[in-house]
PDB file of N, CA and C in Angstrom:
ATOM      1  N   MET A   1       6.849  45.785 -46.588  1.00  0.00           N
ATOM      2  CA  MET A   1       7.973  44.865 -46.416  1.00  0.00           C
ATOM      3  C   MET A   1       8.582  44.298 -47.605  1.00  0.00           C
ATOM      4  N   ALA A   2       9.940  44.210 -47.769  1.00  0.00           N
ATOM      5  CA  ALA A   2      10.568  43.752 -48.810  1.00  0.00           C
ATOM      6  C   ALA A   2      11.160  42.408 -48.247  1.00  0.00           C
ATOM      7  N   VAL A   3      11.166  41.558 -49.086  1.00  0.00           N
ATOM      8  CA  VAL A   3      11.655  40.061 -48.780  1.00  0.00           C
ATOM      9  C   VAL A   3      12.904  39.599 -49.676  1.00  0.00           C
ATOM     10  N   LEU A   4      13.973  39.214 -49.195  1.00  0.00           N
ATOM     11  CA  LEU A   4      15.056  38.797 -49.794  1.00  0.00           C
ATOM     12  C   LEU A   4      15.092  37.384 -49.447  1.00  0.00           C
ATOM     13  N   ASN A   5      14.703  36.559 -50.511  1.00  0.00           N
ATOM     14  CA  ASN A   5      14.694  35.023 -50.316  1.00  0.00           C
ATOM     15  C   ASN A   5      16.124  34.763 -50.336  1.00  0.00           C
ATOM     16  N   SER A   6      16.545  33.766 -49.350  1.00  0.00           N
ATOM     17  CA  SER A   6      17.931  33.289 -49.039  1.00  0.00           C
ATOM     18  C   SER A   6      18.063  31.882 -49.066  1.00  0.00           C
ATOM     19  N   GLY A   7      16.986  31.083 -48.881  1.00  0.00           N
ATOM     20  CA  GLY A   7      17.013  29.648 -48.907  1.00  0.00           C
ATOM     21  C   GLY A   7      16.890  29.305 -47.304  1.00  0.00           C
ATOM     22  N   LEU A   8      17.198  27.920 -47.064  1.00  0.00           N
ATOM     23  CA  LEU A   8      16.889  27.340 -45.833  1.00  0.00           C
ATOM     24  C   LEU A   8      18.227  26.957 -45.089  1.00  0.00           C
ATOM     25  N   LEU A   9      19.343  27.176 -45.511  1.00  0.00           N
ATOM     26  CA  LEU A   9      20.774  26.992 -44.970  1.00  0.00           C
ATOM     27  C   LEU A   9      21.272  28.006 -44.211  1.00  0.00           C
ATOM     28  N   ALA A  10      22.339  27.770 -43.480  1.00  0.00           N
ATOM     29  CA  ALA A  10      23.067  28.733 -42.717  1.00  0.00           C
ATOM     30  C   ALA A  10      23.844  29.530 -43.747  1.00  0.00           C
ATOM     31  N   ALA A  11      24.396  29.024 -44.621  1.00  0.00           N
ATOM     32  CA  ALA A  11      25.314  29.775 -45.646  1.00  0.00           C
ATOM     33  C   ALA A  11      24.235  30.848 -46.471  1.00  0.00           C
ATOM     34  N   ASP A  12      23.084  30.168 -46.600  1.00  0.00           N
ATOM     35  CA  ASP A  12      22.169  31.252 -47.368  1.00  0.00           C
ATOM     36  C   ASP A  12      21.803  32.461 -46.569  1.00  0.00           C
ATOM     37  N   GLY A  13      21.671  32.296 -45.217  1.00  0.00           N
ATOM     38  CA  GLY A  13      21.714  33.485 -44.497  1.00  0.00           C
ATOM     39  C   GLY A  13      23.100  34.499 -44.523  1.00  0.00           C
ATOM     40  N   ILE A  14      24.000  33.927 -44.652  1.00  0.00           N
ATOM     41  CA  ILE A  14      25.393  34.904 -44.765  1.00  0.00           C
ATOM     42  C   ILE A  14      25.363  35.415 -46.256  1.00  0.00           C
ATOM     43  N   SER A  15      24.956  34.480 -47.143  1.00  0.00           N
ATOM     44  CA  SER A  15      24.816  35.199 -48.600  1.00  0.00           C
ATOM     45  C   SER A  15      23.997  36.358 -48.520  1.00  0.00           C
ATOM     46  N   ALA A  16      22.774  36.249 -47.936  1.00  0.00           N
ATOM     47  CA  ALA A  16      21.763  37.404 -47.815  1.00  0.00           C
ATOM     48  C   ALA A  16      22.380  38.574 -47.222  1.00  0.00           C
ATOM     49  N   LEU A  17      23.106  38.387 -46.242  1.00  0.00           N
ATOM     50  CA  LEU A  17      23.817  39.536 -45.444  1.00  0.00           C
ATOM     51  C   LEU A  17      24.921  40.315 -46.400  1.00  0.00           C
ATOM     52  N   GLU A  18      25.616  39.296 -47.012  1.00  0.00           N
ATOM     53  CA  GLU A  18      26.445  39.922 -48.184  1.00  0.00           C
ATOM     54  C   GLU A  18      25.781  40.601 -49.366  1.00  0.00           C
ATOM     55  N   LYS A  19      24.666  40.230 -49.647  1.00  0.00           N
ATOM     56  CA  LYS A  19      23.848  41.024 -50.815  1.00  0.00           C
ATOM     57  C   LYS A  19      23.572  42.087 -50.158  1.00  0.00           C
ATOM     58  N   LEU A  20      22.904  42.367 -48.813  1.00  0.00           N
ATOM     59  CA  LEU A  20      22.548  43.482 -48.335  1.00  0.00           C
ATOM     60  C   LEU A  20      23.522  44.552 -48.168  1.00  0.00           C
ATOM     61  N   ALA A  21      24.763  44.033 -47.750  1.00  0.00           N
ATOM     62  CA  ALA A  21      25.721  44.971 -47.709  1.00  0.00           C
ATOM     63  C   ALA A  21      26.431  45.448 -49.076  1.00  0.00           C
ATOM     64  N   ALA A  22      26.543  44.469 -50.028  1.00  0.00           N
ATOM     65  CA  ALA A  22      27.106  44.817 -51.322  1.00  0.00           C
ATOM     66  C   ALA A  22      26.101  45.783 -52.055  1.00  0.00           C
ATOM     67  N   ASP A  23      24.845  45.619 -51.997  1.00  0.00           N
ATOM     68  CA  ASP A  23      24.021  46.385 -52.599  1.00  0.00           C
ATOM     69  C   ASP A  23      23.442  47.715 -51.850  1.00  0.00           C
ATOM     70  N   ARG A  24      24.176  47.628 -50.598  1.00  0.00           N
ATOM     71  CA  ARG A  24      23.679  49.016 -49.801  1.00  0.00           C
ATOM     72  C   ARG A  24      22.191  48.891 -49.628  1.00  0.00           C
ATOM     73  N   ILE A  25      21.603  47.697 -49.447  1.00  0.00           N
ATOM     74  CA  ILE A  25      20.106  47.810 -49.236  1.00  0.00           C
ATOM     75  C   ILE A  25      19.606  48.402 -47.937  1.00  0.00           C
ATOM     76  N   GLU A  26      18.931  49.446 -47.774  1.00  0.00           N
ATOM     77  CA  GLU A  26      18.436  49.968 -46.583  1.00  0.00           C
ATOM     78  C   GLU A  26      17.251  48.950 -45.885  1.00  0.00           C
ATOM     79  N   PHE A  27      17.474  48.604 -44.499  1.00  0.00           N
ATOM     80  CA  PHE A  27      16.436  47.712 -43.816  1.00  0.00           C
ATOM     81  C   PHE A  27      16.167  48.145 -42.411  1.00  0.00           C
ATOM     82  N   ASP A  28      15.229  47.817 -41.825  1.00  0.00           N
ATOM     83  CA  ASP A  28      15.073  47.882 -40.283  1.00  0.00           C
ATOM     84  C   ASP A  28      14.716  46.898 -39.689  1.00  0.00           C
ATOM     85  N   ALA A  29      14.508  45.654 -40.388  1.00  0.00           N
ATOM     86  CA  ALA A  29      14.411  44.561 -39.698  1.00  0.00           C
ATOM     87  C   ALA A  29      14.990  43.241 -40.564  1.00  0.00           C
ATOM     88  N   LEU A  30      15.345  42.091 -39.984  1.00  0.00           N
ATOM     89  CA  LEU A  30      15.762  40.964 -40.608  1.00  0.00           C
ATOM     90  C   LEU A  30      15.001  39.913 -39.905  1.00  0.00           C
ATOM     91  N   ALA A  31      14.632  38.953 -40.541  1.00  0.00           N
ATOM     92  CA  ALA A  31      13.853  37.700 -40.290  1.00  0.00           C
ATOM     93  C   ALA A  31      14.662  36.468 -40.775  1.00  0.00           C
ATOM     94  N   ALA A  32      14.723  35.710 -40.037  1.00  0.00           N
ATOM     95  CA  ALA A  32      15.323  34.146 -40.366  1.00  0.00           C
ATOM     96  C   ALA A  32      14.401  33.101 -40.102  1.00  0.00           C
ATOM     97  N   VAL A  33      14.317  32.246 -41.142  1.00  0.00           N
ATOM     98  CA  VAL A  33      13.211  31.222 -40.865  1.00  0.00           C
ATOM     99  C   VAL A  33      13.448  30.163 -39.838  1.00  0.00           C
ATOM    100  N   ASN A  34      14.757  30.011 -39.627  1.00  0.00           N
ATOM    101  CA  ASN A  34      14.980  28.886 -38.469  1.00  0.00           C
ATOM    102  C   ASN A  34      16.138  29.170 -37.770  1.00  0.00           C
ATOM    103  N   ALA A  35      16.513  28.646 -36.768  1.00  0.00           N
ATOM    104  CA  ALA A  35      17.569  28.956 -35.891  1.00  0.00           C
ATOM    105  C   ALA A  35      18.818  28.748 -36.391  1.00  0.00           C
ATOM    106  N   GLY A  36      19.280  27.662 -37.438  1.00  0.00           N
ATOM    107  CA  GLY A  36      20.275  27.787 -38.079  1.00  0.00           C
ATOM    108  C   GLY A  36      20.710  28.917 -38.844  1.00  0.00           C
ATOM    109  N   ILE A  37      19.844  29.522 -39.553  1.00  0.00           N
ATOM    110  CA  ILE A  37      20.005  30.793 -40.367  1.00  0.00           C
ATOM    111  C   ILE A  37      20.282  31.982 -39.365  1.00  0.00           C
ATOM    112  N   GLY A  38      19.527  31.908 -38.223  1.00  0.00           N
ATOM    113  CA  GLY A  38      19.439  32.936 -37.279  1.00  0.00           C
ATOM    114  C   GLY A  38      20.744  33.146 -36.599  1.00  0.00           C
ATOM    115  N   GLU A  39      21.339  31.960 -36.258  1.00  0.00           N
ATOM    116  CA  GLU A  39      22.676  31.777 -35.636  1.00  0.00           C
ATOM    117  C   GLU A  39      23.822  32.327 -36.698  1.00  0.00           C
ATOM    118  N   ALA A  40      23.734  31.819 -37.789  1.00  0.00           N
ATOM    119  CA  ALA A  40      24.755  32.278 -38.735  1.00  0.00           C
ATOM    120  C   ALA A  40      24.568  33.800 -38.955  1.00  0.00           C
ATOM    121  N   ILE A  41      23.598  34.458 -39.009  1.00  0.00           N
ATOM    122  CA  ILE A  41      23.368  35.891 -39.201  1.00  0.00           C
ATOM    123  C   ILE A  41      23.904  36.640 -37.899  1.00  0.00           C
ATOM    124  N   MET A  42      23.419  36.230 -36.620  1.00  0.00           N
ATOM    125  CA  MET A  42      24.117  36.606 -35.558  1.00  0.00           C
ATOM    126  C   MET A  42      25.507  36.692 -35.415  1.00  0.00           C
ATOM    127  N   LEU A  43      26.153  35.542 -35.738  1.00  0.00           N
ATOM    128  CA  LEU A  43      27.779  35.150 -35.781  1.00  0.00           C
ATOM    129  C   LEU A  43      28.404  36.329 -36.687  1.00  0.00           C
ATOM    130  N   ASN A  44      27.681  36.440 -37.915  1.00  0.00           N
ATOM    131  CA  ASN A  44      28.378  37.179 -38.941  1.00  0.00           C
ATOM    132  C   ASN A  44      28.237  38.557 -39.067  1.00  0.00           C
ATOM    133  N   LEU A  45      27.225  39.163 -38.198  1.00  0.00           N
ATOM    134  CA  LEU A  45      27.019  40.720 -38.209  1.00  0.00           C
ATOM    135  C   LEU A  45      28.227  41.394 -37.760  1.00  0.00           C
ATOM    136  N   PRO A  46      29.193  41.083 -37.202  1.00  0.00           N
ATOM    137  CA  PRO A  46      30.347  41.897 -36.940  1.00  0.00           C
ATOM    138  C   PRO A  46      30.971  42.054 -38.243  1.00  0.00           C
ATOM    139  N   ARG A  47      31.038  41.348 -39.205  1.00  0.00           N
ATOM    140  CA  ARG A  47      31.638  41.448 -40.373  1.00  0.00           C
ATOM    141  C   ARG A  47      31.193  42.790 -41.160  1.00  0.00           C
ATOM    142  N   PHE A  48      30.085  43.015 -40.797  1.00  0.00           N
ATOM    143  CA  PHE A  48      29.464  44.234 -41.347  1.00  0.00           C
ATOM    144  C   PHE A  48      29.366  45.467 -40.531  1.00  0.00           C
ATOM    145  N   ASN A  49      29.891  45.306 -39.418  1.00  0.00           N
ATOM    146  CA  ASN A  49      29.686  46.359 -38.315  1.00  0.00           C
ATOM    147  C   ASN A  49      28.226  46.658 -38.114  1.00  0.00           C
ATOM    148  N   TRP A  50      27.507  45.616 -37.993  1.00  0.00           N
ATOM    149  CA  TRP A  50      26.087  45.656 -37.646  1.00  0.00           C
ATOM    150  C   TRP A  50      25.854  44.833 -36.280  1.00  0.00           C
ATOM    151  N   ARG A  51      24.830  45.472 -35.520  1.00  0.00           N
ATOM    152  CA  ARG A  51      24.427  44.898 -34.168  1.00  0.00           C
ATOM    153  C   ARG A  51      22.986  45.000 -34.141  1.00  0.00           C
ATOM    154  N   ALA A  52      22.395  43.984 -33.761  1.00  0.00           N
ATOM    155  CA  ALA A  52      20.879  43.774 -33.372  1.00  0.00           C
ATOM    156  C   ALA A  52      20.906  43.788 -31.858  1.00  0.00           C
ATOM    157  N   PRO A  53      19.830  44.569 -31.455  1.00  0.00           N
ATOM    158  CA  PRO A  53      18.763  45.369 -31.939  1.00  0.00           C
ATOM    159  C   PRO A  53      19.213  46.668 -32.073  1.00  0.00           C
ATOM    160  N   GLU A  54      20.472  47.216 -31.923  1.00  0.00           N
ATOM    161  CA  GLU A  54      20.968  48.450 -32.055  1.00  0.00           C
ATOM    162  C   GLU A  54      20.928  49.179 -33.522  1.00  0.00           C
ATOM    163  N   HIS A  55      21.036  48.398 -34.531  1.00  0.00           N
ATOM    164  CA  HIS A  55      20.906  48.914 -35.825  1.00  0.00           C
ATOM    165  C   HIS A  55      19.619  48.505 -36.682  1.00  0.00           C
ATOM    166  N   PHE A  56      18.933  47.346 -36.077  1.00  0.00           N
ATOM    167  CA  PHE A  56      17.822  46.686 -36.694  1.00  0.00           C
ATOM    168  C   PHE A  56      17.201  45.867 -35.913  1.00  0.00           C
ATOM    169  N   SER A  57      15.982  45.477 -36.151  1.00  0.00           N
ATOM    170  CA  SER A  57      15.203  44.575 -35.278  1.00  0.00           C
ATOM    171  C   SER A  57      15.645  43.116 -35.915  1.00  0.00           C
ATOM    172  N   PHE A  58      15.546  42.042 -35.171  1.00  0.00           N
ATOM    173  CA  PHE A  58      15.938  40.872 -35.540  1.00  0.00           C
ATOM    174  C   PHE A  58      14.870  39.800 -35.174  1.00  0.00           C
ATOM    175  N   TYR A  59      14.558  38.806 -35.964  1.00  0.00           N
ATOM    176  CA  TYR A  59      13.467  37.712 -35.691  1.00  0.00           C
ATOM    177  C   TYR A  59      14.163  36.438 -36.106  1.00  0.00           C
ATOM    178  N   SER A  60      14.157  35.539 -35.212  1.00  0.00           N
ATOM    179  CA  SER A  60      14.633  34.121 -35.523  1.00  0.00           C
ATOM    180  C   SER A  60      13.236  33.190 -35.599  1.00  0.00           C
ATOM    181  N   GLY A  61      13.058  32.275 -36.259  1.00  0.00           N
ATOM    182  CA  GLY A  61      12.164  31.237 -36.175  1.00  0.00           C
ATOM    183  C   GLY A  61      12.462  30.372 -35.382  1.00  0.00           C
ATOM    184  N   GLY A  62      13.565  30.286 -34.591  1.00  0.00           N
ATOM    185  CA  GLY A  62      13.896  29.397 -33.525  1.00  0.00           C
ATOM    186  C   GLY A  62      14.805  30.094 -32.615  1.00  0.00           C
ATOM    187  N   ALA A  63      14.978  29.214 -31.386  1.00  0.00           N
ATOM    188  CA  ALA A  63      16.029  29.786 -30.631  1.00  0.00           C
ATOM    189  C   ALA A  63      17.344  29.656 -30.838  1.00  0.00           C
ATOM    190  N   ILE A  64      18.331  30.735 -30.762  1.00  0.00           N
ATOM    191  CA  ILE A  64      19.543  30.701 -31.310  1.00  0.00           C
ATOM    192  C   ILE A  64      20.637  30.396 -30.337  1.00  0.00           C
ATOM    193  N   PRO A  65      21.300  29.188 -30.419  1.00  0.00           N
ATOM    194  CA  PRO A  65      22.073  28.897 -29.267  1.00  0.00           C
ATOM    195  C   PRO A  65      23.233  30.324 -29.050  1.00  0.00           C
ATOM    196  N   GLY A  66      23.445  30.209 -27.745  1.00  0.00           N
ATOM    197  CA  GLY A  66      24.334  31.405 -27.358  1.00  0.00           C
ATOM    198  C   GLY A  66      23.878  32.702 -27.239  1.00  0.00           C
ATOM    199  N   PHE A  67      22.726  32.962 -27.866  1.00  0.00           N
ATOM    200  CA  PHE A  67      22.024  34.188 -27.709  1.00  0.00           C
ATOM    201  C   PHE A  67      20.722  34.223 -26.892  1.00  0.00           C
ATOM    202  N   GLU A  68      20.600  33.322 -25.965  1.00  0.00           N
ATOM    203  CA  GLU A  68      19.346  33.251 -25.358  1.00  0.00           C
ATOM    204  C   GLU A  68      19.157  34.402 -24.303  1.00  0.00           C
ATOM    205  N   ASP A  69      20.399  34.945 -23.783  1.00  0.00           N
ATOM    206  CA  ASP A  69      20.301  35.810 -22.832  1.00  0.00           C
ATOM    207  C   ASP A  69      20.530  37.382 -23.321  1.00  0.00           C
ATOM    208  N   ALA A  70      20.481  37.438 -24.581  1.00  0.00           N
ATOM    209  CA  ALA A  70      20.648  38.684 -25.179  1.00  0.00           C
ATOM    210  C   ALA A  70      19.371  39.820 -24.952  1.00  0.00           C
ATOM    211  N   VAL A  71      19.692  40.846 -24.369  1.00  0.00           N
ATOM    212  CA  VAL A  71      18.616  41.788 -24.123  1.00  0.00           C
ATOM    213  C   VAL A  71      19.141  43.211 -24.585  1.00  0.00           C
ATOM    214  N   PRO A  72      18.224  44.085 -24.987  1.00  0.00           N
ATOM    215  CA  PRO A  72      16.868  43.775 -25.183  1.00  0.00           C
ATOM    216  C   PRO A  72      16.611  42.981 -26.526  1.00  0.00           C
ATOM    217  N   LEU A  73      15.564  42.287 -26.508  1.00  0.00           N
ATOM    218  CA  LEU A  73      15.343  41.601 -27.936  1.00  0.00           C
ATOM    219  C   LEU A  73      14.226  42.411 -28.482  1.00  0.00           C
ATOM    220  N   SER A  74      14.294  42.155 -29.884  1.00  0.00           N
ATOM    221  CA  SER A  74      13.182  42.959 -30.726  1.00  0.00           C
ATOM    222  C   SER A  74      12.798  42.050 -31.757  1.00  0.00           C
ATOM    223  N   THR A  75      11.651  42.248 -32.266  1.00  0.00           N
ATOM    224  CA  THR A  75      11.271  41.514 -33.473  1.00  0.00           C
ATOM    225  C   THR A  75      10.216  42.614 -34.077  1.00  0.00           C
ATOM    226  N   TYR A  76       9.459  42.057 -35.159  1.00  0.00           N
ATOM    227  CA  TYR A  76       8.436  42.717 -36.033  1.00  0.00           C
ATOM    228  C   TYR A  76       7.356  41.890 -36.032  1.00  0.00           C
ATOM    229  N   TYR A  77       6.085  42.393 -36.004  1.00  0.00           N
ATOM    230  CA  TYR A  77       4.886  41.801 -36.377  1.00  0.00           C
ATOM    231  C   TYR A  77       4.518  41.925 -37.880  1.00  0.00           C
ATOM    232  N   SER A  78       4.605  40.711 -38.554  1.00  0.00           N
ATOM    233  CA  SER A  78       4.138  40.689 -39.862  1.00  0.00           C
ATOM    234  C   SER A  78       2.656  40.873 -39.890  1.00  0.00           C
ATOM    235  N   PRO A  79       2.144  41.503 -40.992  1.00  0.00           N
ATOM    236  CA  PRO A  79       0.574  41.880 -41.100  1.00  0.00           C
ATOM    237  C   PRO A  79       0.048  40.712 -41.780  1.00  0.00           C
ATOM    238  N   TYR A  80       0.008  39.444 -41.387  1.00  0.00           N
ATOM    239  CA  TYR A  80      -0.519  37.988 -41.714  1.00  0.00           C
ATOM    240  C   TYR A  80      -1.836  38.245 -42.639  1.00  0.00           C
ATOM    241  N   ARG A  81      -2.606  38.809 -41.977  1.00  0.00           N
ATOM    242  CA  ARG A  81      -3.951  39.025 -42.523  1.00  0.00           C
ATOM    243  C   ARG A  81      -3.869  40.025 -43.947  1.00  0.00           C
ATOM    244  N   GLN A  82      -3.236  41.129 -43.695  1.00  0.00           N
ATOM    245  CA  GLN A  82      -2.830  41.811 -45.174  1.00  0.00           C
ATOM    246  C   GLN A  82      -2.168  41.069 -46.053  1.00  0.00           C
ATOM    247  N   MET A  83      -1.321  40.198 -45.516  1.00  0.00           N
ATOM    248  CA  MET A  83      -0.484  39.505 -46.635  1.00  0.00           C
ATOM    249  C   MET A  83      -1.369  38.385 -47.318  1.00  0.00           C
ATOM    250  N   GLY A  84      -2.127  37.947 -46.492  1.00  0.00           N
ATOM    251  CA  GLY A  84      -3.078  36.716 -46.949  1.00  0.00           C
ATOM    252  C   GLY A  84      -4.092  37.421 -48.094  1.00  0.00           C
ATOM    253  N   LYS A  85      -4.645  38.481 -47.732  1.00  0.00           N
ATOM    254  CA  LYS A  85      -5.657  39.313 -48.598  1.00  0.00           C
ATOM    255  C   LYS A  85      -5.001  39.733 -49.739  1.00  0.00           C
ATOM    256  N   VAL A  86      -3.583  40.113 -49.809  1.00  0.00           N
ATOM    257  CA  VAL A  86      -3.098  40.653 -51.029  1.00  0.00           C
ATOM    258  C   VAL A  86      -2.794  39.321 -51.897  1.00  0.00           C
ATOM    259  N   ALA A  87      -2.185  38.215 -51.235  1.00  0.00           N
ATOM    260  CA  ALA A  87      -2.162  37.109 -51.949  1.00  0.00           C
ATOM    261  C   ALA A  87      -3.448  36.359 -52.603  1.00  0.00           C
ATOM    262  N   MET A  88      -4.463  36.473 -51.945  1.00  0.00           N
ATOM    263  CA  MET A  88      -5.680  36.095 -52.489  1.00  0.00           C
ATOM    264  C   MET A  88      -6.021  36.931 -53.675  1.00  0.00           C
ATOM    265  N   GLU A  89      -6.146  38.234 -53.467  1.00  0.00           N
ATOM    266  CA  GLU A  89      -6.360  39.247 -54.520  1.00  0.00           C
ATOM    267  C   GLU A  89      -5.644  38.705 -55.927  1.00  0.00           C
ATOM    268  N   MET A  90      -4.122  38.637 -55.540  1.00  0.00           N
ATOM    269  CA  MET A  90      -3.308  38.374 -56.640  1.00  0.00           C
ATOM    270  C   MET A  90      -3.642  36.915 -57.521  1.00  0.00           C
ATOM    271  N   LEU A  91      -4.111  36.095 -56.522  1.00  0.00           N
ATOM    272  CA  LEU A  91      -4.302  34.694 -57.005  1.00  0.00           C
ATOM    273  C   LEU A  91      -5.675  34.891 -57.982  1.00  0.00           C
ATOM    274  N   ILE A  92      -6.767  35.336 -57.431  1.00  0.00           N
ATOM    275  CA  ILE A  92      -7.927  35.698 -58.085  1.00  0.00           C
ATOM    276  C   ILE A  92      -7.730  36.399 -59.383  1.00  0.00           C
ATOM    277  N   ASP A  93      -6.939  37.515 -59.326  1.00  0.00           N
ATOM    278  CA  ASP A  93      -6.572  38.015 -60.604  1.00  0.00           C
ATOM    279  C   ASP A  93      -5.914  37.242 -61.525  1.00  0.00           C
ATOM    280  N   MET A  94      -5.095  36.306 -61.249  1.00  0.00           N
ATOM    281  CA  MET A  94      -4.434  35.369 -62.264  1.00  0.00           C
ATOM    282  C   MET A  94      -5.522  34.326 -62.926  1.00  0.00           C
ATOM    283  N   ILE A  95      -6.504  33.961 -61.947  1.00  0.00           N
ATOM    284  CA  ILE A  95      -7.267  32.958 -62.234  1.00  0.00           C
ATOM    285  C   ILE A  95      -8.383  33.752 -63.296  1.00  0.00           C
ATOM    286  N   GLU A  96      -8.676  34.879 -63.067  1.00  0.00           N
ATOM    287  CA  GLU A  96      -9.346  35.493 -64.109  1.00  0.00           C
ATOM    288  C   GLU A  96      -8.754  36.276 -64.977  1.00  0.00           C
ATOM    289  N   GLU A  97      -7.431  35.946 -65.259  1.00  0.00           N
ATOM    290  CA  GLU A  97      -6.537  36.437 -66.332  1.00  0.00           C
ATOM    291  C   GLU A  97      -6.385  37.843 -66.454  1.00  0.00           C
ATOM    292  N   ARG A  98      -6.523  38.641 -65.270  1.00  0.00           N
ATOM    293  CA  ARG A  98      -6.286  39.868 -65.026  1.00  0.00           C
ATOM    294  C   ARG A  98      -4.760  40.276 -64.819  1.00  0.00           C
ATOM    295  N   ARG A  99      -4.133  39.338 -64.389  1.00  0.00           N
ATOM    296  CA  ARG A  99      -2.577  39.261 -64.022  1.00  0.00           C
ATOM    297  C   ARG A  99      -1.762  38.169 -64.709  1.00  0.00           C
ATOM    298  N   ASP A 100      -0.586  38.382 -65.196  1.00  0.00           N
ATOM    299  CA  ASP A 100       0.209  37.346 -65.655  1.00  0.00           C
ATOM    300  C   ASP A 100       0.907  36.549 -64.755  1.00  0.00           C
ATOM    301  N   PRO A 101       0.445  35.202 -64.587  1.00  0.00           N
ATOM    302  CA  PRO A 101       1.096  34.344 -63.525  1.00  0.00           C
ATOM    303  C   PRO A 101       2.594  34.232 -63.638  1.00  0.00           C
ATOM    304  N   ALA A 102       3.169  34.378 -64.759  1.00  0.00           N
ATOM    305  CA  ALA A 102       4.595  34.324 -64.987  1.00  0.00           C
ATOM    306  C   ALA A 102       5.410  35.648 -64.585  1.00  0.00           C
ATOM    307  N   ALA A 103       4.662  36.600 -64.385  1.00  0.00           N
ATOM    308  CA  ALA A 103       5.289  38.000 -63.933  1.00  0.00           C
ATOM    309  C   ALA A 103       5.731  37.864 -62.382  1.00  0.00           C
ATOM    310  N   VAL A 104       6.995  38.327 -62.444  1.00  0.00           N
ATOM    311  CA  VAL A 104       7.528  38.450 -60.880  1.00  0.00           C
ATOM    312  C   VAL A 104       7.294  39.892 -60.386  1.00  0.00           C
ATOM    313  N   GLU A 105       6.449  39.833 -59.289  1.00  0.00           N
ATOM    314  CA  GLU A 105       5.981  41.019 -58.664  1.00  0.00           C
ATOM    315  C   GLU A 105       6.596  41.449 -57.413  1.00  0.00           C
ATOM    316  N   GLN A 106       6.937  42.616 -56.971  1.00  0.00           N
ATOM    317  CA  GLN A 106       7.411  42.846 -55.509  1.00  0.00           C
ATOM    318  C   GLN A 106       6.138  43.669 -54.772  1.00  0.00           C
ATOM    319  N   CYS A 107       5.592  43.066 -53.565  1.00  0.00           N
ATOM    320  CA  CYS A 107       4.627  43.887 -52.976  1.00  0.00           C
ATOM    321  C   CYS A 107       5.309  44.286 -51.681  1.00  0.00           C
ATOM    322  N   LYS A 108       5.064  45.399 -51.244  1.00  0.00           N
ATOM    323  CA  LYS A 108       5.620  45.888 -49.925  1.00  0.00           C
ATOM    324  C   LYS A 108       4.568  46.363 -48.927  1.00  0.00           C
ATOM    325  N   LEU A 109       4.601  45.782 -47.876  1.00  0.00           N
ATOM    326  CA  LEU A 109       3.751  45.792 -46.767  1.00  0.00           C
ATOM    327  C   LEU A 109       4.230  46.340 -45.410  1.00  0.00           C
ATOM    328  N   PRO A 110       3.811  47.195 -44.747  1.00  0.00           N
ATOM    329  CA  PRO A 110       4.517  47.665 -43.523  1.00  0.00           C
ATOM    330  C   PRO A 110       4.432  46.448 -42.503  1.00  0.00           C
ATOM    331  N   ALA A 111       5.783  46.536 -41.597  1.00  0.00           N
ATOM    332  CA  ALA A 111       5.964  45.717 -40.569  1.00  0.00           C
ATOM    333  C   ALA A 111       5.823  46.473 -39.327  1.00  0.00           C
ATOM    334  N   ASN A 112       5.374  45.955 -38.237  1.00  0.00           N
ATOM    335  CA  ASN A 112       5.285  46.704 -37.093  1.00  0.00           C
ATOM    336  C   ASN A 112       6.547  46.388 -36.167  1.00  0.00           C
ATOM    337  N   TYR A 113       7.394  47.278 -35.520  1.00  0.00           N
ATOM    338  CA  TYR A 113       8.130  46.868 -34.788  1.00  0.00           C
ATOM    339  C   TYR A 113       7.720  46.630 -33.195  1.00  0.00           C
ATOM    340  N   VAL A 114       8.380  45.643 -32.665  1.00  0.00           N
ATOM    341  CA  VAL A 114       7.862  45.170 -31.305  1.00  0.00           C
ATOM    342  C   VAL A 114       9.245  44.991 -30.623  1.00  0.00           C
ATOM    343  N   ASP A 115       9.331  45.725 -29.349  1.00  0.00           N
ATOM    344  CA  ASP A 115      10.397  45.658 -28.514  1.00  0.00           C
ATOM    345  C   ASP A 115       9.847  44.920 -27.220  1.00  0.00           C
ATOM    346  N   PHE A 116      10.657  44.067 -26.946  1.00  0.00           N
ATOM    347  CA  PHE A 116      10.455  43.339 -25.513  1.00  0.00           C
ATOM    348  C   PHE A 116      11.713  42.762 -24.805  1.00  0.00           C
ATOM    349  N   GLN A 117      11.520  42.442 -23.541  1.00  0.00           N
ATOM    350  CA  GLN A 117      12.769  41.913 -22.761  1.00  0.00           C
ATOM    351  C   GLN A 117      12.841  40.579 -22.486  1.00  0.00           C
ATOM    352  N   THR A 118      13.854  39.846 -22.546  1.00  0.00           N
ATOM    353  CA  THR A 118      13.956  38.580 -22.058  1.00  0.00           C
ATOM    354  C   THR A 118      13.423  38.180 -20.776  1.00  0.00           C
ATOM    355  N   ILE A 119      12.581  37.257 -20.760  1.00  0.00           N
ATOM    356  CA  ILE A 119      11.916  36.967 -19.396  1.00  0.00           C
ATOM    357  C   ILE A 119      12.796  35.904 -18.475  1.00  0.00           C
TER     358      ILE A 119
END
């Protein structure tokens, strides 16, 4: 899993979409940390000729006004235990001085696609 940090505002979600499009970053899932970003993303997808879930799976950390009846919905399952394990290994390596705490690292973990229908 690759993470593109965008901040917590709706405008940050739009900036993330613009970066994905400009850099031609391939992705199969998007996640929004809150409903404000989720709504901004959903409303701006047409600018890039993208649609969820046809082109990728989409998850929002809150209900998105105006999209409650969208079907089918899709999301992804984040491997939280594996993420925690990797984070702890990295932290221990830093404490034991086997890893530079100032170094920026990218760690990719697989996410599992989940398809479900609105109830």
